[in-house]
Amino acid sequence: MAAVQHGFPHFILDIREEFGDFVVNDFVEEYLAGRTPNPCVLCNTHIKWRALLKRADALGCEFIATGHYAKIRQHDNGRYVISKAVDHTKDQSYVLWGCNKTF
């Protein structure tokens, strides 16, 4: 594990309740309604950002890492935006669309 190898603290968080509420339940409802759900998008928005940041704040963490292939760049107006990864074959920027809704 990278955290152990580099000597920084790491935490394992139990986020099953939020995962069930936001990802699993929505997947079942959408599937039963005849639509094609995209659980990764909801997971990123509600789990990897909202729930993770909530716990990170409670623990006093300064940074979190999720391992997505995407690029953050500063727009001409000074605002930061998520852009396609340098390696377009690994790009995952599309699943991060909900980030602006959680901060």
C-alpha atoms as a PDB file:
ATOM      1  CA  MET A   1       0.000   0.000   0.000  1.00  0.00           C
ATOM      2  CA  ALA A   2       1.394   3.382  -1.016  1.00  0.00           C
ATOM      3  CA  ALA A   3       0.478   5.078   2.280  1.00  0.00           C
ATOM      4  CA  VAL A   4       2.430   2.552   4.327  1.00  0.00           C
ATOM      5  CA  GLN A   5       5.392   2.614   1.940  1.00  0.00           C
ATOM      6  CA  HIS A   6       5.605   6.404   2.110  1.00  0.00           C
ATOM      7  CA  GLY A   7       4.815   6.763   5.806  1.00  0.00           C
ATOM      8  CA  PHE A   8       1.622   8.801   5.746  1.00  0.00           C
ATOM      9  CA  PRO A   9      -1.636   7.972   7.505  1.00  0.00           C
ATOM     10  CA  HIS A  10      -4.469   6.333   5.635  1.00  0.00           C
ATOM     11  CA  PHE A  11      -8.036   5.553   6.596  1.00  0.00           C
ATOM     12  CA  ILE A  12     -10.544   2.959   5.483  1.00  0.00           C
ATOM     13  CA  LEU A  13     -14.059   4.360   5.604  1.00  0.00           C
ATOM     14  CA  ASP A  14     -17.356   2.508   5.744  1.00  0.00           C
ATOM     15  CA  ILE A  15     -19.637   4.288   3.281  1.00  0.00           C
ATOM     16  CA  ARG A  16     -22.003   1.397   2.597  1.00  0.00           C
ATOM     17  CA  GLU A  17     -25.083   3.293   3.748  1.00  0.00           C
ATOM     18  CA  GLU A  18     -24.543   6.187   1.330  1.00  0.00           C
ATOM     19  CA  PHE A  19     -23.577   3.759  -1.433  1.00  0.00           C
ATOM     20  CA  GLY A  20     -26.844   1.882  -0.987  1.00  0.00           C
ATOM     21  CA  ASP A  21     -28.912   5.060  -0.781  1.00  0.00           C
ATOM     22  CA  PHE A  22     -27.428   6.867  -3.774  1.00  0.00           C
ATOM     23  CA  VAL A  23     -26.012   4.194  -6.070  1.00  0.00           C
ATOM     24  CA  VAL A  24     -27.661   0.805  -5.562  1.00  0.00           C
ATOM     25  CA  ASN A  25     -31.209   2.065  -5.038  1.00  0.00           C
ATOM     26  CA  ASP A  26     -30.996   4.355  -8.069  1.00  0.00           C
ATOM     27  CA  PHE A  27     -29.557   1.545 -10.203  1.00  0.00           C
ATOM     28  CA  VAL A  28     -32.452  -0.768  -9.305  1.00  0.00           C
ATOM     29  CA  GLU A  29     -35.104   1.933  -9.889  1.00  0.00           C
ATOM     30  CA  GLU A  30     -33.649   2.966 -13.254  1.00  0.00           C
ATOM     31  CA  TYR A  31     -33.190  -0.624 -14.417  1.00  0.00           C
ATOM     32  CA  LEU A  32     -36.750  -1.570 -13.462  1.00  0.00           C
ATOM     33  CA  ALA A  33     -38.008   1.527 -15.295  1.00  0.00           C
ATOM     34  CA  GLY A  34     -36.344   0.255 -18.486  1.00  0.00           C
ATOM     35  CA  ARG A  35     -33.541   2.826 -18.495  1.00  0.00           C
ATOM     36  CA  THR A  36     -29.791   2.199 -18.552  1.00  0.00           C
ATOM     37  CA  PRO A  37     -28.313   3.415 -15.266  1.00  0.00           C
ATOM     38  CA  ASN A  38     -24.759   4.688 -14.923  1.00  0.00           C
ATOM     39  CA  PRO A  39     -23.792   3.868 -11.328  1.00  0.00           C
ATOM     40  CA  CYS A  40     -20.227   5.205 -11.710  1.00  0.00           C
ATOM     41  CA  VAL A  41     -21.470   8.752 -12.214  1.00  0.00           C
ATOM     42  CA  LEU A  42     -23.603   8.640  -9.069  1.00  0.00           C
ATOM     43  CA  CYS A  43     -20.833   6.966  -7.103  1.00  0.00           C
ATOM     44  CA  ASN A  44     -18.376   9.690  -8.021  1.00  0.00           C
ATOM     45  CA  THR A  45     -20.804  12.494  -7.232  1.00  0.00           C
ATOM     46  CA  HIS A  46     -22.303  11.198  -3.999  1.00  0.00           C
ATOM     47  CA  ILE A  47     -19.728   8.782  -2.620  1.00  0.00           C
ATOM     48  CA  LYS A  48     -16.266   9.771  -3.768  1.00  0.00           C
ATOM     49  CA  TRP A  49     -16.962  13.446  -3.304  1.00  0.00           C
ATOM     50  CA  ARG A  50     -19.775  14.297  -0.916  1.00  0.00           C
ATOM     51  CA  ALA A  51     -19.434  11.397   1.548  1.00  0.00           C
ATOM     52  CA  LEU A  52     -15.649  11.201   1.287  1.00  0.00           C
ATOM     53  CA  LEU A  53     -15.154  14.937   1.762  1.00  0.00           C
ATOM     54  CA  LYS A  54     -17.524  14.928   4.732  1.00  0.00           C
ATOM     55  CA  ARG A  55     -15.445  12.261   6.455  1.00  0.00           C
ATOM     56  CA  ALA A  56     -12.138  13.805   5.407  1.00  0.00           C
ATOM     57  CA  ASP A  57     -13.211  17.120   6.923  1.00  0.00           C
ATOM     58  CA  ALA A  58     -14.215  15.374  10.155  1.00  0.00           C
ATOM     59  CA  LEU A  59     -10.776  13.719  10.302  1.00  0.00           C
ATOM     60  CA  GLY A  60      -8.973  16.994   9.619  1.00  0.00           C
ATOM     61  CA  CYS A  61      -7.532  15.773   6.300  1.00  0.00           C
ATOM     62  CA  GLU A  62      -5.974  18.368   4.026  1.00  0.00           C
ATOM     63  CA  PHE A  63      -6.046  16.239   0.860  1.00  0.00           C
ATOM     64  CA  ILE A  64      -7.837  13.253  -0.642  1.00  0.00           C
ATOM     65  CA  ALA A  65      -6.885  11.144  -3.655  1.00  0.00           C
ATOM     66  CA  THR A  66      -9.298   9.175  -5.821  1.00  0.00           C
ATOM     67  CA  GLY A  67      -7.135   8.129  -8.759  1.00  0.00           C
ATOM     68  CA  HIS A  68      -9.192   9.394 -11.700  1.00  0.00           C
ATOM     69  CA  TYR A  69      -7.636  10.031 -15.082  1.00  0.00           C
ATOM     70  CA  ALA A  70      -8.559  13.643 -15.771  1.00  0.00           C
ATOM     71  CA  LYS A  71      -6.912  17.018 -15.897  1.00  0.00           C
ATOM     72  CA  ILE A  72      -7.667  20.175 -13.944  1.00  0.00           C
ATOM     73  CA  ARG A  73      -6.924  23.392 -15.756  1.00  0.00           C
ATOM     74  CA  GLN A  74      -7.559  27.040 -15.105  1.00  0.00           C
ATOM     75  CA  HIS A  75      -9.942  28.739 -17.513  1.00  0.00           C
ATOM     76  CA  ASP A  76      -9.236  32.244 -18.838  1.00  0.00           C
ATOM     77  CA  ASN A  77     -11.728  33.653 -16.323  1.00  0.00           C
ATOM     78  CA  GLY A  78      -9.702  32.191 -13.414  1.00  0.00           C
ATOM     79  CA  ARG A  79     -12.111  29.344 -12.689  1.00  0.00           C
ATOM     80  CA  TYR A  80     -10.743  25.802 -12.464  1.00  0.00           C
ATOM     81  CA  VAL A  81     -12.379  23.179 -14.690  1.00  0.00           C
ATOM     82  CA  ILE A  82     -12.075  19.441 -15.208  1.00  0.00           C
ATOM     83  CA  SER A  83     -10.794  18.549 -18.662  1.00  0.00           C
ATOM     84  CA  LYS A  84      -9.981  15.390 -20.575  1.00  0.00           C
ATOM     85  CA  ALA A  85      -6.921  13.505 -19.382  1.00  0.00           C
ATOM     86  CA  VAL A  86      -3.644  13.861 -21.250  1.00  0.00           C
ATOM     87  CA  ASP A  87      -4.005  10.207 -22.265  1.00  0.00           C
ATOM     88  CA  HIS A  88      -7.381  10.231 -24.032  1.00  0.00           C
ATOM     89  CA  THR A  89      -7.522   6.420 -24.029  1.00  0.00           C
ATOM     90  CA  LYS A  90      -7.725   6.483 -20.205  1.00  0.00           C
ATOM     91  CA  ASP A  91      -9.867   9.605 -19.809  1.00  0.00           C
ATOM     92  CA  GLN A  92     -12.440   9.484 -16.992  1.00  0.00           C
ATOM     93  CA  SER A  93     -13.346  13.165 -16.869  1.00  0.00           C
ATOM     94  CA  TYR A  94     -16.932  12.419 -17.955  1.00  0.00           C
ATOM     95  CA  VAL A  95     -17.716  10.644 -14.678  1.00  0.00           C
ATOM     96  CA  LEU A  96     -16.668  13.712 -12.687  1.00  0.00           C
ATOM     97  CA  TRP A  97     -19.470  15.890 -14.079  1.00  0.00           C
ATOM     98  CA  GLY A  98     -21.178  16.114 -10.680  1.00  0.00           C
ATOM     99  CA  CYS A  99     -18.210  17.575  -8.817  1.00  0.00           C
ATOM    100  CA  ASN A 100     -19.407  21.157  -9.211  1.00  0.00           C
ATOM    101  CA  LYS A 101     -22.642  20.178  -7.478  1.00  0.00           C
ATOM    102  CA  THR A 102     -20.966  18.912  -4.315  1.00  0.00           C
ATOM    103  CA  PHE A 103     -18.532  21.667  -3.361  1.00  0.00           C
END
